[in-house]
Amino acid sequence: MIQIHILAFLAFSILFLATCRRYIYEIRNISLWSPFSPHKPQLLVLHVPVRI
């Protein structure tokens, strides 16, 4: 049982870090996007539930 918990924790950590990296990367690039870009709201909506 202990090994299963460790593997689950590692998998969760990798997914969480990967998601945060993409989220931070997109926040940095918002200034490069036009304010009326159709992709920005969709990306934020997709990533916020994953982070939570």
PDB file of N, CA and C in Angstrom:
ATOM      1  N   MET A   1       0.828  -1.207   0.000  1.00  0.00           N
ATOM      2  CA  MET A   1       0.000   0.000   0.000  1.00  0.00           C
ATOM      3  C   MET A   1       0.862   1.257   0.000  1.00  0.00           C
ATOM      4  N   ILE A   2       1.969   1.220   0.731  1.00  0.00           N
ATOM      5  CA  ILE A   2       2.812   2.416   0.811  1.00  0.00           C
ATOM      6  C   ILE A   2       3.371   2.776  -0.568  1.00  0.00           C
ATOM      7  N   GLN A   3       3.798   1.758  -1.325  1.00  0.00           N
ATOM      8  CA  GLN A   3       4.358   2.037  -2.644  1.00  0.00           C
ATOM      9  C   GLN A   3       3.319   2.658  -3.566  1.00  0.00           C
ATOM     10  N   ILE A   4       2.084   2.185  -3.476  1.00  0.00           N
ATOM     11  CA  ILE A   4       1.018   2.741  -4.326  1.00  0.00           C
ATOM     12  C   ILE A   4       0.822   4.223  -3.995  1.00  0.00           C
ATOM     13  N   HIS A   5       0.844   4.564  -2.715  1.00  0.00           N
ATOM     14  CA  HIS A   5       0.662   5.958  -2.327  1.00  0.00           C
ATOM     15  C   HIS A   5       1.811   6.819  -2.829  1.00  0.00           C
ATOM     16  N   ILE A   6       3.026   6.303  -2.768  1.00  0.00           N
ATOM     17  CA  ILE A   6       4.174   7.071  -3.240  1.00  0.00           C
ATOM     18  C   ILE A   6       4.065   7.308  -4.741  1.00  0.00           C
ATOM     19  N   LEU A   7       3.692   6.270  -5.484  1.00  0.00           N
ATOM     20  CA  LEU A   7       3.559   6.425  -6.941  1.00  0.00           C
ATOM     21  C   LEU A   7       2.455   7.425  -7.269  1.00  0.00           C
ATOM     22  N   ALA A   8       1.343   7.356  -6.563  1.00  0.00           N
ATOM     23  CA  ALA A   8       0.244   8.292  -6.820  1.00  0.00           C
ATOM     24  C   ALA A   8       0.687   9.726  -6.516  1.00  0.00           C
ATOM     25  N   PHE A   9       1.436   9.888  -5.420  1.00  0.00           N
ATOM     26  CA  PHE A   9       1.903  11.227  -5.062  1.00  0.00           C
ATOM     27  C   PHE A   9       2.865  11.770  -6.115  1.00  0.00           C
ATOM     28  N   LEU A  10       3.769  10.927  -6.599  1.00  0.00           N
ATOM     29  CA  LEU A  10       4.714  11.363  -7.630  1.00  0.00           C
ATOM     30  C   LEU A  10       3.978  11.740  -8.908  1.00  0.00           C
ATOM     31  N   ALA A  11       3.025  10.928  -9.314  1.00  0.00           N
ATOM     32  CA  ALA A  11       2.268  11.228 -10.533  1.00  0.00           C
ATOM     33  C   ALA A  11       1.517  12.548 -10.371  1.00  0.00           C
ATOM     34  N   PHE A  12       0.886  12.754  -9.218  1.00  0.00           N
ATOM     35  CA  PHE A  12       0.153  13.996  -8.973  1.00  0.00           C
ATOM     36  C   PHE A  12       1.099  15.198  -8.997  1.00  0.00           C
ATOM     37  N   SER A  13       2.287  15.050  -8.387  1.00  0.00           N
ATOM     38  CA  SER A  13       3.244  16.151  -8.343  1.00  0.00           C
ATOM     39  C   SER A  13       3.708  16.529  -9.746  1.00  0.00           C
ATOM     40  N   ILE A  14       3.983  15.516 -10.578  1.00  0.00           N
ATOM     41  CA  ILE A  14       4.447  15.799 -11.939  1.00  0.00           C
ATOM     42  C   ILE A  14       3.356  16.520 -12.731  1.00  0.00           C
ATOM     43  N   LEU A  15       2.121  16.040 -12.626  1.00  0.00           N
ATOM     44  CA  LEU A  15       1.023  16.689 -13.347  1.00  0.00           C
ATOM     45  C   LEU A  15       0.820  18.112 -12.839  1.00  0.00           C
ATOM     46  N   PHE A  16       0.882  18.305 -11.527  1.00  0.00           N
ATOM     47  CA  PHE A  16       0.663  19.629 -10.952  1.00  0.00           C
ATOM     48  C   PHE A  16       1.735  20.604 -11.411  1.00  0.00           C
ATOM     49  N   LEU A  17       3.008  20.170 -11.376  1.00  0.00           N
ATOM     50  CA  LEU A  17       4.097  21.052 -11.786  1.00  0.00           C
ATOM     51  C   LEU A  17       4.009  21.375 -13.270  1.00  0.00           C
ATOM     52  N   ALA A  18       3.676  20.381 -14.090  1.00  0.00           N
ATOM     53  CA  ALA A  18       3.563  20.623 -15.528  1.00  0.00           C
ATOM     54  C   ALA A  18       2.446  21.628 -15.812  1.00  0.00           C
ATOM     55  N   THR A  19       1.326  21.474 -15.103  1.00  0.00           N
ATOM     56  CA  THR A  19       0.203  22.386 -15.300  1.00  0.00           C
ATOM     57  C   THR A  19       0.569  23.797 -14.856  1.00  0.00           C
ATOM     58  N   CYS A  20       1.217  23.919 -13.712  1.00  0.00           N
ATOM     59  CA  CYS A  20       1.610  25.243 -13.220  1.00  0.00           C
ATOM     60  C   CYS A  20       2.603  25.896 -14.176  1.00  0.00           C
ATOM     61  N   ARG A  21       3.516  25.091 -14.728  1.00  0.00           N
ATOM     62  CA  ARG A  21       4.485  25.662 -15.660  1.00  0.00           C
ATOM     63  C   ARG A  21       3.790  26.235 -16.882  1.00  0.00           C
ATOM     64  N   ARG A  22       2.833  25.482 -17.452  1.00  0.00           N
ATOM     65  CA  ARG A  22       2.110  25.988 -18.617  1.00  0.00           C
ATOM     66  C   ARG A  22       1.296  27.222 -18.237  1.00  0.00           C
ATOM     67  N   TYR A  23       0.674  27.202 -17.061  1.00  0.00           N
ATOM     68  CA  TYR A  23      -0.161  28.322 -16.629  1.00  0.00           C
ATOM     69  C   TYR A  23       0.677  29.589 -16.474  1.00  0.00           C
ATOM     70  N   ILE A  24       1.833  29.463 -15.809  1.00  0.00           N
ATOM     71  CA  ILE A  24       2.718  30.615 -15.609  1.00  0.00           C
ATOM     72  C   ILE A  24       3.243  31.112 -16.956  1.00  0.00           C
ATOM     73  N   TYR A  25       3.600  30.168 -17.845  1.00  0.00           N
ATOM     74  CA  TYR A  25       4.110  30.536 -19.155  1.00  0.00           C
ATOM     75  C   TYR A  25       3.069  31.332 -19.928  1.00  0.00           C
ATOM     76  N   GLU A  26       1.807  30.923 -19.842  1.00  0.00           N
ATOM     77  CA  GLU A  26       0.761  31.639 -20.561  1.00  0.00           C
ATOM     78  C   GLU A  26       0.488  32.996 -19.928  1.00  0.00           C
ATOM     79  N   ILE A  27       0.571  33.100 -18.610  1.00  0.00           N
ATOM     80  CA  ILE A  27       0.387  34.409 -17.960  1.00  0.00           C
ATOM     81  C   ILE A  27       1.473  35.372 -18.430  1.00  0.00           C
ATOM     82  N   ARG A  28       2.713  34.889 -18.537  1.00  0.00           N
ATOM     83  CA  ARG A  28       3.799  35.748 -19.020  1.00  0.00           C
ATOM     84  C   ARG A  28       3.548  36.196 -20.446  1.00  0.00           C
ATOM     85  N   ASN A  29       2.876  35.369 -21.247  1.00  0.00           N
ATOM     86  CA  ASN A  29       2.676  35.695 -22.654  1.00  0.00           C
ATOM     87  C   ASN A  29       1.420  36.515 -22.901  1.00  0.00           C
ATOM     88  N   ILE A  30       0.626  36.777 -21.858  1.00  0.00           N
ATOM     89  CA  ILE A  30      -0.599  37.559 -22.060  1.00  0.00           C
ATOM     90  C   ILE A  30      -0.246  38.945 -22.615  1.00  0.00           C
ATOM     91  N   SER A  31       0.872  39.512 -22.162  1.00  0.00           N
ATOM     92  CA  SER A  31       1.244  40.846 -22.631  1.00  0.00           C
ATOM     93  C   SER A  31       1.589  40.826 -24.120  1.00  0.00           C
ATOM     94  N   LEU A  32       1.972  39.643 -24.646  1.00  0.00           N
ATOM     95  CA  LEU A  32       2.290  39.550 -26.073  1.00  0.00           C
ATOM     96  C   LEU A  32       1.033  39.356 -26.904  1.00  0.00           C
ATOM     97  N   TRP A  33      -0.047  38.865 -26.266  1.00  0.00           N
ATOM     98  CA  TRP A  33      -1.293  38.646 -26.994  1.00  0.00           C
ATOM     99  C   TRP A  33      -2.097  39.935 -27.079  1.00  0.00           C
ATOM    100  N   SER A  34      -2.923  40.032 -28.113  1.00  0.00           N
ATOM    101  CA  SER A  34      -3.825  41.176 -28.207  1.00  0.00           C
ATOM    102  C   SER A  34      -4.942  41.009 -27.175  1.00  0.00           C
ATOM    103  N   PRO A  35      -5.460  42.104 -26.641  1.00  0.00           N
ATOM    104  CA  PRO A  35      -6.504  41.990 -25.610  1.00  0.00           C
ATOM    105  C   PRO A  35      -7.772  41.301 -26.124  1.00  0.00           C
ATOM    106  N   PHE A  36      -7.958  41.270 -27.434  1.00  0.00           N
ATOM    107  CA  PHE A  36      -9.168  40.663 -27.984  1.00  0.00           C
ATOM    108  C   PHE A  36      -8.884  39.277 -28.568  1.00  0.00           C
ATOM    109  N   SER A  37      -7.761  38.679 -28.160  1.00  0.00           N
ATOM    110  CA  SER A  37      -7.434  37.350 -28.666  1.00  0.00           C
ATOM    111  C   SER A  37      -8.481  36.334 -28.210  1.00  0.00           C
ATOM    112  N   PRO A  38      -9.036  35.530 -29.127  1.00  0.00           N
ATOM    113  CA  PRO A  38     -10.072  34.563 -28.734  1.00  0.00           C
ATOM    114  C   PRO A  38      -9.508  33.381 -27.944  1.00  0.00           C
ATOM    115  N   HIS A  39      -8.189  33.196 -27.970  1.00  0.00           N
ATOM    116  CA  HIS A  39      -7.617  32.018 -27.323  1.00  0.00           C
ATOM    117  C   HIS A  39      -7.384  32.221 -25.838  1.00  0.00           C
ATOM    118  N   LYS A  40      -7.183  33.465 -25.425  1.00  0.00           N
ATOM    119  CA  LYS A  40      -6.803  33.707 -24.033  1.00  0.00           C
ATOM    120  C   LYS A  40      -7.860  33.216 -23.035  1.00  0.00           C
ATOM    121  N   PRO A  41      -9.139  33.569 -23.167  1.00  0.00           N
ATOM    122  CA  PRO A  41     -10.122  33.110 -22.173  1.00  0.00           C
ATOM    123  C   PRO A  41     -10.237  31.587 -22.159  1.00  0.00           C
ATOM    124  N   GLN A  42     -10.155  30.960 -23.340  1.00  0.00           N
ATOM    125  CA  GLN A  42     -10.284  29.509 -23.382  1.00  0.00           C
ATOM    126  C   GLN A  42      -9.131  28.853 -22.628  1.00  0.00           C
ATOM    127  N   LEU A  43      -7.911  29.348 -22.808  1.00  0.00           N
ATOM    128  CA  LEU A  43      -6.768  28.758 -22.123  1.00  0.00           C
ATOM    129  C   LEU A  43      -6.913  28.918 -20.612  1.00  0.00           C
ATOM    130  N   LEU A  44      -7.326  30.098 -20.167  1.00  0.00           N
ATOM    131  CA  LEU A  44      -7.465  30.310 -18.728  1.00  0.00           C
ATOM    132  C   LEU A  44      -8.563  29.419 -18.160  1.00  0.00           C
ATOM    133  N   VAL A  45      -9.669  29.276 -18.887  1.00  0.00           N
ATOM    134  CA  VAL A  45     -10.767  28.433 -18.396  1.00  0.00           C
ATOM    135  C   VAL A  45     -10.321  26.976 -18.332  1.00  0.00           C
ATOM    136  N   LEU A  46      -9.501  26.552 -19.316  1.00  0.00           N
ATOM    137  CA  LEU A  46      -9.061  25.155 -19.321  1.00  0.00           C
ATOM    138  C   LEU A  46      -8.094  24.879 -18.175  1.00  0.00           C
ATOM    139  N   HIS A  47      -7.247  25.840 -17.835  1.00  0.00           N
ATOM    140  CA  HIS A  47      -6.181  25.555 -16.879  1.00  0.00           C
ATOM    141  C   HIS A  47      -6.589  25.777 -15.428  1.00  0.00           C
ATOM    142  N   VAL A  48      -7.523  26.664 -15.173  1.00  0.00           N
ATOM    143  CA  VAL A  48      -7.890  26.922 -13.779  1.00  0.00           C
ATOM    144  C   VAL A  48      -8.488  25.690 -13.109  1.00  0.00           C
ATOM    145  N   PRO A  49      -9.435  24.956 -13.753  1.00  0.00           N
ATOM    146  CA  PRO A  49      -9.968  23.764 -13.078  1.00  0.00           C
ATOM    147  C   PRO A  49      -8.891  22.705 -12.858  1.00  0.00           C
ATOM    148  N   VAL A  50      -7.924  22.595 -13.768  1.00  0.00           N
ATOM    149  CA  VAL A  50      -6.874  21.587 -13.604  1.00  0.00           C
ATOM    150  C   VAL A  50      -6.018  21.923 -12.391  1.00  0.00           C
ATOM    151  N   ARG A  51      -5.732  23.211 -12.200  1.00  0.00           N
ATOM    152  CA  ARG A  51      -4.916  23.605 -11.044  1.00  0.00           C
ATOM    153  C   ARG A  51      -5.638  23.273  -9.740  1.00  0.00           C
ATOM    154  N   ILE A  52      -6.945  23.532  -9.696  1.00  0.00           N
ATOM    155  CA  ILE A  52      -7.690  23.277  -8.459  1.00  0.00           C
ATOM    156  C   ILE A  52      -7.771  21.770  -8.244  1.00  0.00           C
TER     157      ILE A  52
END
